[in-house]
mmCIF file of all heavy atoms, coordinates in Angstrom:
data_MODEL
# 
_entry.id   MODEL 
# 
loop_
_atom_site.group_PDB 
_atom_site.id 
_atom_site.type_symbol 
_atom_site.label_atom_id 
_atom_site.label_alt_id 
_atom_site.label_comp_id 
_atom_site.label_asym_id 
_atom_site.label_entity_id 
_atom_site.label_seq_id 
_atom_site.pdbx_PDB_ins_code 
_atom_site.Cartn_x 
_atom_site.Cartn_y 
_atom_site.Cartn_z 
_atom_site.occupancy 
_atom_site.B_iso_or_equiv 
_atom_site.pdbx_formal_charge 
_atom_site.auth_seq_id 
_atom_site.auth_comp_id 
_atom_site.auth_asym_id 
_atom_site.auth_atom_id 
_atom_site.pdbx_PDB_model_num 
ATOM 1   N N   . ARG A 1 1  ? -8.344  2.131   -9.769  1.00 0.00 ? 1  ARG A N   1 
ATOM 2   C CA  . ARG A 1 1  ? -7.517  3.330   -9.765  1.00 0.00 ? 1  ARG A CA  1 
ATOM 3   C C   . ARG A 1 1  ? -7.597  4.061   -8.436  1.00 0.00 ? 1  ARG A C   1 
ATOM 4   O O   . ARG A 1 1  ? -6.633  4.531   -7.887  1.00 0.00 ? 1  ARG A O   1 
ATOM 5   C CB  . ARG A 1 1  ? -7.813  4.215   -10.959 1.00 0.00 ? 1  ARG A CB  1 
ATOM 6   C CG  . ARG A 1 1  ? -7.436  3.689   -12.322 1.00 0.00 ? 1  ARG A CG  1 
ATOM 7   C CD  . ARG A 1 1  ? -7.852  4.730   -13.415 1.00 0.00 ? 1  ARG A CD  1 
ATOM 8   N NE  . ARG A 1 1  ? -7.329  4.322   -14.671 1.00 0.00 ? 1  ARG A NE  1 
ATOM 9   C CZ  . ARG A 1 1  ? -7.994  3.569   -15.565 1.00 0.00 ? 1  ARG A CZ  1 
ATOM 10  N NH1 . ARG A 1 1  ? -9.174  3.038   -15.245 1.00 0.00 ? 1  ARG A NH1 1 
ATOM 11  N NH2 . ARG A 1 1  ? -7.510  3.331   -16.779 1.00 0.00 ? 1  ARG A NH2 1 
ATOM 12  N N   . SER A 1 2  ? -8.861  4.174   -8.006  1.00 0.00 ? 2  SER A N   1 
ATOM 13  C CA  . SER A 1 2  ? -9.054  4.791   -6.641  1.00 0.00 ? 2  SER A CA  1 
ATOM 14  C C   . SER A 1 2  ? -8.443  4.120   -5.550  1.00 0.00 ? 2  SER A C   1 
ATOM 15  O O   . SER A 1 2  ? -7.791  4.661   -4.707  1.00 0.00 ? 2  SER A O   1 
ATOM 16  C CB  . SER A 1 2  ? -10.610 4.957   -6.355  1.00 0.00 ? 2  SER A CB  1 
ATOM 17  O OG  . SER A 1 2  ? -10.853 5.538   -5.172  1.00 0.00 ? 2  SER A OG  1 
ATOM 18  N N   . ALA A 1 3  ? -8.537  2.789   -5.573  1.00 0.00 ? 3  ALA A N   1 
ATOM 19  C CA  . ALA A 1 3  ? -7.889  1.926   -4.545  1.00 0.00 ? 3  ALA A CA  1 
ATOM 20  C C   . ALA A 1 3  ? -6.468  1.979   -4.619  1.00 0.00 ? 3  ALA A C   1 
ATOM 21  O O   . ALA A 1 3  ? -5.723  1.977   -3.550  1.00 0.00 ? 3  ALA A O   1 
ATOM 22  C CB  . ALA A 1 3  ? -8.333  0.496   -4.654  1.00 0.00 ? 3  ALA A CB  1 
ATOM 23  N N   . ILE A 1 4  ? -5.884  2.081   -5.812  1.00 0.00 ? 4  ILE A N   1 
ATOM 24  C CA  . ILE A 1 4  ? -4.431  2.147   -5.984  1.00 0.00 ? 4  ILE A CA  1 
ATOM 25  C C   . ILE A 1 4  ? -3.871  3.462   -5.315  1.00 0.00 ? 4  ILE A C   1 
ATOM 26  O O   . ILE A 1 4  ? -2.921  3.465   -4.573  1.00 0.00 ? 4  ILE A O   1 
ATOM 27  C CB  . ILE A 1 4  ? -3.960  2.104   -7.480  1.00 0.00 ? 4  ILE A CB  1 
ATOM 28  C CG1 . ILE A 1 4  ? -4.183  0.663   -7.995  1.00 0.00 ? 4  ILE A CG1 1 
ATOM 29  C CG2 . ILE A 1 4  ? -2.588  2.582   -7.671  1.00 0.00 ? 4  ILE A CG2 1 
ATOM 30  C CD1 . ILE A 1 4  ? -4.097  0.554   -9.485  1.00 0.00 ? 4  ILE A CD1 1 
ATOM 31  N N   . LEU A 1 5  ? -4.556  4.544   -5.572  1.00 0.00 ? 5  LEU A N   1 
ATOM 32  C CA  . LEU A 1 5  ? -4.095  5.829   -5.042  1.00 0.00 ? 5  LEU A CA  1 
ATOM 33  C C   . LEU A 1 5  ? -4.261  5.858   -3.540  1.00 0.00 ? 5  LEU A C   1 
ATOM 34  O O   . LEU A 1 5  ? -3.349  6.320   -2.863  1.00 0.00 ? 5  LEU A O   1 
ATOM 35  C CB  . LEU A 1 5  ? -4.898  6.982   -5.691  1.00 0.00 ? 5  LEU A CB  1 
ATOM 36  C CG  . LEU A 1 5  ? -4.548  8.444   -5.262  1.00 0.00 ? 5  LEU A CG  1 
ATOM 37  C CD1 . LEU A 1 5  ? -3.010  8.674   -5.333  1.00 0.00 ? 5  LEU A CD1 1 
ATOM 38  C CD2 . LEU A 1 5  ? -5.256  9.497   -5.990  1.00 0.00 ? 5  LEU A CD2 1 
ATOM 39  N N   . SER A 1 6  ? -5.350  5.417   -3.009  1.00 0.00 ? 6  SER A N   1 
ATOM 40  C CA  . SER A 1 6  ? -5.559  5.496   -1.544  1.00 0.00 ? 6  SER A CA  1 
ATOM 41  C C   . SER A 1 6  ? -4.586  4.459   -0.857  1.00 0.00 ? 6  SER A C   1 
ATOM 42  O O   . SER A 1 6  ? -4.045  4.806   0.248   1.00 0.00 ? 6  SER A O   1 
ATOM 43  C CB  . SER A 1 6  ? -7.010  5.061   -1.208  1.00 0.00 ? 6  SER A CB  1 
ATOM 44  O OG  . SER A 1 6  ? -7.294  3.685   -1.464  1.00 0.00 ? 6  SER A OG  1 
ATOM 45  N N   . THR A 1 7  ? -4.302  3.358   -1.455  1.00 0.00 ? 7  THR A N   1 
ATOM 46  C CA  . THR A 1 7  ? -3.304  2.424   -0.880  1.00 0.00 ? 7  THR A CA  1 
ATOM 47  C C   . THR A 1 7  ? -1.918  2.956   -0.834  1.00 0.00 ? 7  THR A C   1 
ATOM 48  O O   . THR A 1 7  ? -1.181  2.881   0.060   1.00 0.00 ? 7  THR A O   1 
ATOM 49  C CB  . THR A 1 7  ? -3.266  1.020   -1.680  1.00 0.00 ? 7  THR A CB  1 
ATOM 50  O OG1 . THR A 1 7  ? -4.627  0.491   -1.654  1.00 0.00 ? 7  THR A OG1 1 
ATOM 51  C CG2 . THR A 1 7  ? -2.378  0.043   -1.103  1.00 0.00 ? 7  THR A CG2 1 
ATOM 52  N N   . ALA A 1 8  ? -1.524  3.636   -1.941  1.00 0.00 ? 8  ALA A N   1 
ATOM 53  C CA  . ALA A 1 8  ? -0.233  4.269   -2.021  1.00 0.00 ? 8  ALA A CA  1 
ATOM 54  C C   . ALA A 1 8  ? -0.129  5.402   -0.962  1.00 0.00 ? 8  ALA A C   1 
ATOM 55  O O   . ALA A 1 8  ? 0.907   5.557   -0.333  1.00 0.00 ? 8  ALA A O   1 
ATOM 56  C CB  . ALA A 1 8  ? -0.011  4.902   -3.409  1.00 0.00 ? 8  ALA A CB  1 
ATOM 57  N N   . PHE A 1 9  ? -1.161  6.200   -0.833  1.00 0.00 ? 9  PHE A N   1 
ATOM 58  C CA  . PHE A 1 9  ? -1.080  7.227   0.112   1.00 0.00 ? 9  PHE A CA  1 
ATOM 59  C C   . PHE A 1 9  ? -1.049  6.730   1.540   1.00 0.00 ? 9  PHE A C   1 
ATOM 60  O O   . PHE A 1 9  ? -0.313  7.251   2.429   1.00 0.00 ? 9  PHE A O   1 
ATOM 61  C CB  . PHE A 1 9  ? -2.284  8.197   0.015   1.00 0.00 ? 9  PHE A CB  1 
ATOM 62  C CG  . PHE A 1 9  ? -2.230  9.397   0.931   1.00 0.00 ? 9  PHE A CG  1 
ATOM 63  C CD1 . PHE A 1 9  ? -1.356  10.397  0.769   1.00 0.00 ? 9  PHE A CD1 1 
ATOM 64  C CD2 . PHE A 1 9  ? -3.073  9.450   2.040   1.00 0.00 ? 9  PHE A CD2 1 
ATOM 65  C CE1 . PHE A 1 9  ? -1.299  11.523  1.602   1.00 0.00 ? 9  PHE A CE1 1 
ATOM 66  C CE2 . PHE A 1 9  ? -2.949  10.561  2.875   1.00 0.00 ? 9  PHE A CE2 1 
ATOM 67  C CZ  . PHE A 1 9  ? -2.119  11.564  2.641   1.00 0.00 ? 9  PHE A CZ  1 
ATOM 68  N N   . ARG A 1 10 ? -1.812  5.661   1.838   1.00 0.00 ? 10 ARG A N   1 
ATOM 69  C CA  . ARG A 1 10 ? -1.743  5.071   3.197   1.00 0.00 ? 10 ARG A CA  1 
ATOM 70  C C   . ARG A 1 10 ? -0.290  4.548   3.493   1.00 0.00 ? 10 ARG A C   1 
ATOM 71  O O   . ARG A 1 10 ? 0.171   4.719   4.592   1.00 0.00 ? 10 ARG A O   1 
ATOM 72  C CB  . ARG A 1 10 ? -2.765  3.870   3.228   1.00 0.00 ? 10 ARG A CB  1 
ATOM 73  C CG  . ARG A 1 10 ? -2.897  3.291   4.607   1.00 0.00 ? 10 ARG A CG  1 
ATOM 74  C CD  . ARG A 1 10 ? -4.172  2.428   4.680   1.00 0.00 ? 10 ARG A CD  1 
ATOM 75  N NE  . ARG A 1 10 ? -4.100  1.327   3.685   1.00 0.00 ? 10 ARG A NE  1 
ATOM 76  C CZ  . ARG A 1 10 ? -5.002  1.217   2.710   1.00 0.00 ? 10 ARG A CZ  1 
ATOM 77  N NH1 . ARG A 1 10 ? -6.009  2.053   2.572   1.00 0.00 ? 10 ARG A NH1 1 
ATOM 78  N NH2 . ARG A 1 10 ? -4.934  0.233   1.862   1.00 0.00 ? 10 ARG A NH2 1 
ATOM 79  N N   . SER A 1 11 ? 0.337   3.907   2.472   1.00 0.00 ? 11 SER A N   1 
ATOM 80  C CA  . SER A 1 11 ? 1.699   3.475   2.669   1.00 0.00 ? 11 SER A CA  1 
ATOM 81  C C   . SER A 1 11 ? 2.585   4.585   2.852   1.00 0.00 ? 11 SER A C   1 
ATOM 82  O O   . SER A 1 11 ? 3.536   4.559   3.682   1.00 0.00 ? 11 SER A O   1 
ATOM 83  C CB  . SER A 1 11 ? 2.129   2.635   1.393   1.00 0.00 ? 11 SER A CB  1 
ATOM 84  O OG  . SER A 1 11 ? 1.283   1.585   1.222   1.00 0.00 ? 11 SER A OG  1 
ATOM 85  N N   . TYR A 1 12 ? 2.432   5.682   2.114   1.00 0.00 ? 12 TYR A N   1 
ATOM 86  C CA  . TYR A 1 12 ? 3.258   6.899   2.288   1.00 0.00 ? 12 TYR A CA  1 
ATOM 87  C C   . TYR A 1 12 ? 3.085   7.540   3.662   1.00 0.00 ? 12 TYR A C   1 
ATOM 88  O O   . TYR A 1 12 ? 4.066   7.845   4.318   1.00 0.00 ? 12 TYR A O   1 
ATOM 89  C CB  . TYR A 1 12 ? 2.813   7.934   1.255   1.00 0.00 ? 12 TYR A CB  1 
ATOM 90  C CG  . TYR A 1 12 ? 3.233   9.335   1.446   1.00 0.00 ? 12 TYR A CG  1 
ATOM 91  C CD1 . TYR A 1 12 ? 4.572   9.748   1.230   1.00 0.00 ? 12 TYR A CD1 1 
ATOM 92  C CD2 . TYR A 1 12 ? 2.329   10.290  1.967   1.00 0.00 ? 12 TYR A CD2 1 
ATOM 93  C CE1 . TYR A 1 12 ? 4.898   11.076  1.496   1.00 0.00 ? 12 TYR A CE1 1 
ATOM 94  C CE2 . TYR A 1 12 ? 2.660   11.601  2.156   1.00 0.00 ? 12 TYR A CE2 1 
ATOM 95  C CZ  . TYR A 1 12 ? 3.986   12.019  1.924   1.00 0.00 ? 12 TYR A CZ  1 
ATOM 96  O OH  . TYR A 1 12 ? 4.396   13.265  2.162   1.00 0.00 ? 12 TYR A OH  1 
ATOM 97  N N   . GLN A 1 13 ? 1.876   7.544   4.196   1.00 0.00 ? 13 GLN A N   1 
ATOM 98  C CA  . GLN A 1 13 ? 1.615   8.053   5.523   1.00 0.00 ? 13 GLN A CA  1 
ATOM 99  C C   . GLN A 1 13 ? 2.300   7.223   6.609   1.00 0.00 ? 13 GLN A C   1 
ATOM 100 O O   . GLN A 1 13 ? 2.690   7.699   7.689   1.00 0.00 ? 13 GLN A O   1 
ATOM 101 C CB  . GLN A 1 13 ? 0.100   8.062   5.878   1.00 0.00 ? 13 GLN A CB  1 
ATOM 102 C CG  . GLN A 1 13 ? -0.594  9.237   5.219   1.00 0.00 ? 13 GLN A CG  1 
ATOM 103 C CD  . GLN A 1 13 ? -2.050  9.264   5.670   1.00 0.00 ? 13 GLN A CD  1 
ATOM 104 O OE1 . GLN A 1 13 ? -2.800  8.318   5.599   1.00 0.00 ? 13 GLN A OE1 1 
ATOM 105 N NE2 . GLN A 1 13 ? -2.461  10.385  6.230   1.00 0.00 ? 13 GLN A NE2 1 
ATOM 106 N N   . GLN A 1 14 ? 2.565   5.920   6.322   1.00 0.00 ? 14 GLN A N   1 
ATOM 107 C CA  . GLN A 1 14 ? 3.254   5.035   7.223   1.00 0.00 ? 14 GLN A CA  1 
ATOM 108 C C   . GLN A 1 14 ? 4.777   5.010   7.002   1.00 0.00 ? 14 GLN A C   1 
ATOM 109 O O   . GLN A 1 14 ? 5.430   4.146   7.499   1.00 0.00 ? 14 GLN A O   1 
ATOM 110 C CB  . GLN A 1 14 ? 2.700   3.626   7.067   1.00 0.00 ? 14 GLN A CB  1 
ATOM 111 C CG  . GLN A 1 14 ? 1.210   3.518   7.527   1.00 0.00 ? 14 GLN A CG  1 
ATOM 112 C CD  . GLN A 1 14 ? 0.576   2.219   7.097   1.00 0.00 ? 14 GLN A CD  1 
ATOM 113 O OE1 . GLN A 1 14 ? 1.148   1.381   6.363   1.00 0.00 ? 14 GLN A OE1 1 
ATOM 114 N NE2 . GLN A 1 14 ? -0.653  1.984   7.492   1.00 0.00 ? 14 GLN A NE2 1 
ATOM 115 N N   . ASN A 1 15 ? 5.255   6.010   6.205   1.00 0.00 ? 15 ASN A N   1 
ATOM 116 C CA  . ASN A 1 15 ? 6.692   6.209   5.938   1.00 0.00 ? 15 ASN A CA  1 
ATOM 117 C C   . ASN A 1 15 ? 7.323   4.967   5.231   1.00 0.00 ? 15 ASN A C   1 
ATOM 118 O O   . ASN A 1 15 ? 8.466   4.681   5.486   1.00 0.00 ? 15 ASN A O   1 
ATOM 119 C CB  . ASN A 1 15 ? 7.420   6.478   7.252   1.00 0.00 ? 15 ASN A CB  1 
ATOM 120 C CG  . ASN A 1 15 ? 7.033   7.733   7.907   1.00 0.00 ? 15 ASN A CG  1 
ATOM 121 O OD1 . ASN A 1 15 ? 6.830   8.801   7.203   1.00 0.00 ? 15 ASN A OD1 1 
ATOM 122 N ND2 . ASN A 1 15 ? 6.807   7.740   9.224   1.00 0.00 ? 15 ASN A ND2 1 
ATOM 123 N N   . LYS A 1 16 ? 6.488   4.318   4.405   1.00 0.00 ? 16 LYS A N   1 
ATOM 124 C CA  . LYS A 1 16 ? 7.071   3.259   3.580   1.00 0.00 ? 16 LYS A CA  1 
ATOM 125 C C   . LYS A 1 16 ? 7.463   3.771   2.256   1.00 0.00 ? 16 LYS A C   1 
ATOM 126 O O   . LYS A 1 16 ? 6.918   4.793   1.746   1.00 0.00 ? 16 LYS A O   1 
ATOM 127 C CB  . LYS A 1 16 ? 5.980   2.153   3.447   1.00 0.00 ? 16 LYS A CB  1 
ATOM 128 C CG  . LYS A 1 16 ? 5.608   1.480   4.785   1.00 0.00 ? 16 LYS A CG  1 
ATOM 129 C CD  . LYS A 1 16 ? 4.492   0.491   4.602   1.00 0.00 ? 16 LYS A CD  1 
ATOM 130 C CE  . LYS A 1 16 ? 4.037   -0.104  5.875   1.00 0.00 ? 16 LYS A CE  1 
ATOM 131 N NZ  . LYS A 1 16 ? 2.891   -1.000  5.738   1.00 0.00 ? 16 LYS A NZ  1 
ATOM 132 N N   . GLU A 1 17 ? 8.349   3.128   1.624   1.00 0.00 ? 17 GLU A N   1 
ATOM 133 C CA  . GLU A 1 17 ? 8.861   3.487   0.252   1.00 0.00 ? 17 GLU A CA  1 
ATOM 134 C C   . GLU A 1 17 ? 8.252   2.623   -0.818  1.00 0.00 ? 17 GLU A C   1 
ATOM 135 O O   . GLU A 1 17 ? 8.604   2.743   -1.959  1.00 0.00 ? 17 GLU A O   1 
ATOM 136 C CB  . GLU A 1 17 ? 10.390  3.494   0.224   1.00 0.00 ? 17 GLU A CB  1 
ATOM 137 C CG  . GLU A 1 17 ? 11.055  4.454   1.190   1.00 0.00 ? 17 GLU A CG  1 
ATOM 138 C CD  . GLU A 1 17 ? 12.566  4.411   1.078   1.00 0.00 ? 17 GLU A CD  1 
ATOM 139 O OE1 . GLU A 1 17 ? 13.076  3.532   0.410   1.00 0.00 ? 17 GLU A OE1 1 
ATOM 140 O OE2 . GLU A 1 17 ? 13.239  5.250   1.710   1.00 0.00 ? 17 GLU A OE2 1 
ATOM 141 N N   . TYR A 1 18 ? 7.325   1.792   -0.430  1.00 0.00 ? 18 TYR A N   1 
ATOM 142 C CA  . TYR A 1 18 ? 6.651   0.877   -1.360  1.00 0.00 ? 18 TYR A CA  1 
ATOM 143 C C   . TYR A 1 18 ? 5.158   0.756   -0.887  1.00 0.00 ? 18 TYR A C   1 
ATOM 144 O O   . TYR A 1 18 ? 4.755   1.048   0.133   1.00 0.00 ? 18 TYR A O   1 
ATOM 145 C CB  . TYR A 1 18 ? 7.340   -0.475  -1.305  1.00 0.00 ? 18 TYR A CB  1 
ATOM 146 C CG  . TYR A 1 18 ? 7.318   -1.119  0.036   1.00 0.00 ? 18 TYR A CG  1 
ATOM 147 C CD1 . TYR A 1 18 ? 6.273   -1.948  0.421   1.00 0.00 ? 18 TYR A CD1 1 
ATOM 148 C CD2 . TYR A 1 18 ? 8.302   -0.815  1.011   1.00 0.00 ? 18 TYR A CD2 1 
ATOM 149 C CE1 . TYR A 1 18 ? 6.254   -2.507  1.678   1.00 0.00 ? 18 TYR A CE1 1 
ATOM 150 C CE2 . TYR A 1 18 ? 8.269   -1.433  2.258   1.00 0.00 ? 18 TYR A CE2 1 
ATOM 151 C CZ  . TYR A 1 18 ? 7.218   -2.239  2.576   1.00 0.00 ? 18 TYR A CZ  1 
ATOM 152 O OH  . TYR A 1 18 ? 7.205   -2.830  3.868   1.00 0.00 ? 18 TYR A OH  1 
ATOM 153 N N   . MET A 1 19 ? 4.387   0.207   -1.864  1.00 0.00 ? 19 MET A N   1 
ATOM 154 C CA  . MET A 1 19 ? 2.964   0.132   -1.641  1.00 0.00 ? 19 MET A CA  1 
ATOM 155 C C   . MET A 1 19 ? 2.631   -1.308  -1.167  1.00 0.00 ? 19 MET A C   1 
ATOM 156 O O   . MET A 1 19 ? 3.007   -2.263  -1.756  1.00 0.00 ? 19 MET A O   1 
ATOM 157 C CB  . MET A 1 19 ? 2.173   0.406   -2.941  1.00 0.00 ? 19 MET A CB  1 
ATOM 158 C CG  . MET A 1 19 ? 0.775   0.384   -2.804  1.00 0.00 ? 19 MET A CG  1 
ATOM 159 S SD  . MET A 1 19 ? -0.066  1.198   -4.247  1.00 0.00 ? 19 MET A SD  1 
ATOM 160 C CE  . MET A 1 19 ? 0.679   0.367   -5.583  1.00 0.00 ? 19 MET A CE  1 
ATOM 161 N N   . ASP A 1 20 ? 1.930   -1.364  -0.037  1.00 0.00 ? 20 ASP A N   1 
ATOM 162 C CA  . ASP A 1 20 ? 1.344   -2.640  0.418   1.00 0.00 ? 20 ASP A CA  1 
ATOM 163 C C   . ASP A 1 20 ? -0.069  -2.412  0.887   1.00 0.00 ? 20 ASP A C   1 
ATOM 164 O O   . ASP A 1 20 ? -0.452  -1.272  1.159   1.00 0.00 ? 20 ASP A O   1 
ATOM 165 C CB  . ASP A 1 20 ? 2.182   -3.396  1.461   1.00 0.00 ? 20 ASP A CB  1 
ATOM 166 C CG  . ASP A 1 20 ? 2.320   -2.630  2.775   1.00 0.00 ? 20 ASP A CG  1 
ATOM 167 O OD1 . ASP A 1 20 ? 1.608   -1.560  2.893   1.00 0.00 ? 20 ASP A OD1 1 
ATOM 168 O OD2 . ASP A 1 20 ? 3.080   -3.001  3.636   1.00 0.00 ? 20 ASP A OD2 1 
ATOM 169 N N   . ILE A 1 21 ? -0.877  -3.517  1.007   1.00 0.00 ? 21 ILE A N   1 
ATOM 170 C CA  . ILE A 1 21 ? -2.284  -3.325  1.399   1.00 0.00 ? 21 ILE A CA  1 
ATOM 171 C C   . ILE A 1 21 ? -2.316  -2.960  2.874   1.00 0.00 ? 21 ILE A C   1 
ATOM 172 O O   . ILE A 1 21 ? -3.028  -1.974  3.256   1.00 0.00 ? 21 ILE A O   1 
ATOM 173 C CB  . ILE A 1 21 ? -3.068  -4.573  1.152   1.00 0.00 ? 21 ILE A CB  1 
ATOM 174 C CG1 . ILE A 1 21 ? -3.053  -4.917  -0.354  1.00 0.00 ? 21 ILE A CG1 1 
ATOM 175 C CG2 . ILE A 1 21 ? -4.469  -4.383  1.618   1.00 0.00 ? 21 ILE A CG2 1 
ATOM 176 C CD1 . ILE A 1 21 ? -3.791  -6.196  -0.680  1.00 0.00 ? 21 ILE A CD1 1 
ATOM 177 N N   . THR A 1 22 ? -1.612  -3.579  3.636   1.00 0.00 ? 22 THR A N   1 
ATOM 178 C CA  . THR A 1 22 ? -1.392  -3.224  5.077   1.00 0.00 ? 22 THR A CA  1 
ATOM 179 C C   . THR A 1 22 ? -0.129  -3.978  5.524   1.00 0.00 ? 22 THR A C   1 
ATOM 180 O O   . THR A 1 22 ? 0.509   -4.651  4.751   1.00 0.00 ? 22 THR A O   1 
ATOM 181 C CB  . THR A 1 22 ? -2.642  -3.653  5.909   1.00 0.00 ? 22 THR A CB  1 
ATOM 182 O OG1 . THR A 1 22 ? -2.520  -3.163  7.171   1.00 0.00 ? 22 THR A OG1 1 
ATOM 183 C CG2 . THR A 1 22 ? -2.820  -5.202  5.939   1.00 0.00 ? 22 THR A CG2 1 
ATOM 184 N N   . ASP A 1 23 ? 0.207   -3.802  6.805   1.00 0.00 ? 23 ASP A N   1 
ATOM 185 C CA  . ASP A 1 23 ? 1.472   -4.416  7.336   1.00 0.00 ? 23 ASP A CA  1 
ATOM 186 C C   . ASP A 1 23 ? 1.488   -5.922  7.003   1.00 0.00 ? 23 ASP A C   1 
ATOM 187 O O   . ASP A 1 23 ? 0.514   -6.642  7.344   1.00 0.00 ? 23 ASP A O   1 
ATOM 188 C CB  . ASP A 1 23 ? 1.548   -4.224  8.809   1.00 0.00 ? 23 ASP A CB  1 
ATOM 189 C CG  . ASP A 1 23 ? 1.862   -2.765  9.160   1.00 0.00 ? 23 ASP A CG  1 
ATOM 190 O OD1 . ASP A 1 23 ? 2.361   -2.042  8.293   1.00 0.00 ? 23 ASP A OD1 1 
ATOM 191 O OD2 . ASP A 1 23 ? 1.536   -2.339  10.346  1.00 0.00 ? 23 ASP A OD2 1 
ATOM 192 N N   . ASN A 1 24 ? 2.592   -6.298  6.354   1.00 0.00 ? 24 ASN A N   1 
ATOM 193 C CA  . ASN A 1 24 ? 2.884   -7.669  6.059   1.00 0.00 ? 24 ASN A CA  1 
ATOM 194 C C   . ASN A 1 24 ? 1.887   -8.397  5.061   1.00 0.00 ? 24 ASN A C   1 
ATOM 195 O O   . ASN A 1 24 ? 1.882   -9.563  4.905   1.00 0.00 ? 24 ASN A O   1 
ATOM 196 C CB  . ASN A 1 24 ? 2.879   -8.560  7.353   1.00 0.00 ? 24 ASN A CB  1 
ATOM 197 C CG  . ASN A 1 24 ? 3.832   -8.043  8.413   1.00 0.00 ? 24 ASN A CG  1 
ATOM 198 O OD1 . ASN A 1 24 ? 4.977   -7.715  8.008   1.00 0.00 ? 24 ASN A OD1 1 
ATOM 199 N ND2 . ASN A 1 24 ? 3.404   -7.980  9.662   1.00 0.00 ? 24 ASN A ND2 1 
ATOM 200 N N   . VAL A 1 25 ? 1.145   -7.551  4.370   1.00 0.00 ? 25 VAL A N   1 
ATOM 201 C CA  . VAL A 1 25 ? 0.176   -8.045  3.319   1.00 0.00 ? 25 VAL A CA  1 
ATOM 202 C C   . VAL A 1 25 ? 0.573   -7.367  2.011   1.00 0.00 ? 25 VAL A C   1 
ATOM 203 O O   . VAL A 1 25 ? 0.326   -6.147  1.880   1.00 0.00 ? 25 VAL A O   1 
ATOM 204 C CB  . VAL A 1 25 ? -1.283  -7.866  3.670   1.00 0.00 ? 25 VAL A CB  1 
ATOM 205 C CG1 . VAL A 1 25 ? -2.128  -8.429  2.505   1.00 0.00 ? 25 VAL A CG1 1 
ATOM 206 C CG2 . VAL A 1 25 ? -1.583  -8.570  4.975   1.00 0.00 ? 25 VAL A CG2 1 
ATOM 207 N N   . ASP A 1 26 ? 1.128   -8.059  1.098   1.00 0.00 ? 26 ASP A N   1 
ATOM 208 C CA  . ASP A 1 26 ? 1.601   -7.548  -0.159  1.00 0.00 ? 26 ASP A CA  1 
ATOM 209 C C   . ASP A 1 26 ? 0.396   -7.160  -1.071  1.00 0.00 ? 26 ASP A C   1 
ATOM 210 O O   . ASP A 1 26 ? -0.742  -7.622  -0.929  1.00 0.00 ? 26 ASP A O   1 
ATOM 211 C CB  . ASP A 1 26 ? 2.473   -8.608  -0.908  1.00 0.00 ? 26 ASP A CB  1 
ATOM 212 C CG  . ASP A 1 26 ? 3.307   -7.999  -1.996  1.00 0.00 ? 26 ASP A CG  1 
ATOM 213 O OD1 . ASP A 1 26 ? 3.308   -6.743  -2.168  1.00 0.00 ? 26 ASP A OD1 1 
ATOM 214 O OD2 . ASP A 1 26 ? 3.955   -8.770  -2.724  1.00 0.00 ? 26 ASP A OD2 1 
ATOM 215 N N   . ILE A 1 27 ? 0.623   -6.325  -2.022  1.00 0.00 ? 27 ILE A N   1 
ATOM 216 C CA  . ILE A 1 27 ? -0.401  -5.956  -3.009  1.00 0.00 ? 27 ILE A CA  1 
ATOM 217 C C   . ILE A 1 27 ? -0.585  -7.069  -4.042  1.00 0.00 ? 27 ILE A C   1 
ATOM 218 O O   . ILE A 1 27 ? -1.546  -7.004  -4.808  1.00 0.00 ? 27 ILE A O   1 
ATOM 219 C CB  . ILE A 1 27 ? -0.174  -4.641  -3.703  1.00 0.00 ? 27 ILE A CB  1 
ATOM 220 C CG1 . ILE A 1 27 ? 1.136   -4.717  -4.532  1.00 0.00 ? 27 ILE A CG1 1 
ATOM 221 C CG2 . ILE A 1 27 ? -0.129  -3.459  -2.801  1.00 0.00 ? 27 ILE A CG2 1 
ATOM 222 C CD1 . ILE A 1 27 ? 1.372   -3.502  -5.432  1.00 0.00 ? 27 ILE A CD1 1 
ATOM 223 N N   . PHE A 1 28 ? 0.304   -8.021  -4.048  1.00 0.00 ? 28 PHE A N   1 
ATOM 224 C CA  . PHE A 1 28 ? 0.138   -9.174  -4.955  1.00 0.00 ? 28 PHE A CA  1 
ATOM 225 C C   . PHE A 1 28 ? -0.259  -10.462 -4.262  1.00 0.00 ? 28 PHE A C   1 
ATOM 226 O O   . PHE A 1 28 ? 0.041   -10.615 -3.072  1.00 0.00 ? 28 PHE A O   1 
ATOM 227 C CB  . PHE A 1 28 ? 1.502   -9.379  -5.646  1.00 0.00 ? 28 PHE A CB  1 
ATOM 228 C CG  . PHE A 1 28 ? 1.985   -8.225  -6.493  1.00 0.00 ? 28 PHE A CG  1 
ATOM 229 C CD1 . PHE A 1 28 ? 3.079   -7.494  -6.151  1.00 0.00 ? 28 PHE A CD1 1 
ATOM 230 C CD2 . PHE A 1 28 ? 1.268   -7.789  -7.657  1.00 0.00 ? 28 PHE A CD2 1 
ATOM 231 C CE1 . PHE A 1 28 ? 3.583   -6.397  -6.870  1.00 0.00 ? 28 PHE A CE1 1 
ATOM 232 C CE2 . PHE A 1 28 ? 1.710   -6.773  -8.355  1.00 0.00 ? 28 PHE A CE2 1 
ATOM 233 C CZ  . PHE A 1 28 ? 2.796   -6.099  -7.989  1.00 0.00 ? 28 PHE A CZ  1 
ATOM 234 N N   . PRO A 1 29 ? -0.924  -11.359 -4.953  1.00 0.00 ? 29 PRO A N   1 
ATOM 235 C CA  . PRO A 1 29 ? -1.350  -12.622 -4.315  1.00 0.00 ? 29 PRO A CA  1 
ATOM 236 C C   . PRO A 1 29 ? -0.130  -13.439 -3.863  1.00 0.00 ? 29 PRO A C   1 
ATOM 237 O O   . PRO A 1 29 ? 1.021   -13.242 -4.305  1.00 0.00 ? 29 PRO A O   1 
ATOM 238 C CB  . PRO A 1 29 ? -2.084  -13.342 -5.493  1.00 0.00 ? 29 PRO A CB  1 
ATOM 239 C CG  . PRO A 1 29 ? -2.475  -12.239 -6.406  1.00 0.00 ? 29 PRO A CG  1 
ATOM 240 C CD  . PRO A 1 29 ? -1.412  -11.220 -6.329  1.00 0.00 ? 29 PRO A CD  1 
ATOM 241 N N   . ASP A 1 30 ? -0.400  -14.436 -3.026  1.00 0.00 ? 30 ASP A N   1 
ATOM 242 C CA  . ASP A 1 30 ? 0.653   -15.316 -2.531  1.00 0.00 ? 30 ASP A CA  1 
ATOM 243 C C   . ASP A 1 30 ? 1.370   -15.993 -3.674  1.00 0.00 ? 30 ASP A C   1 
ATOM 244 O O   . ASP A 1 30 ? 0.797   -16.275 -4.730  1.00 0.00 ? 30 ASP A O   1 
ATOM 245 C CB  . ASP A 1 30 ? 0.029   -16.433 -1.582  1.00 0.00 ? 30 ASP A CB  1 
ATOM 246 C CG  . ASP A 1 30 ? -0.744  -15.766 -0.447  1.00 0.00 ? 30 ASP A CG  1 
ATOM 247 O OD1 . ASP A 1 30 ? -0.413  -14.612 -0.136  1.00 0.00 ? 30 ASP A OD1 1 
ATOM 248 O OD2 . ASP A 1 30 ? -1.648  -16.415 0.109   1.00 0.00 ? 30 ASP A OD2 1 
# 
């Protein structure tokens, strides 16, 4: 839960409208 919130906020800070782990890396496995 903590990781989900921090990941979402990091995506929000990067002006994204969706959550990803980092650029070009999805939150879901390949």
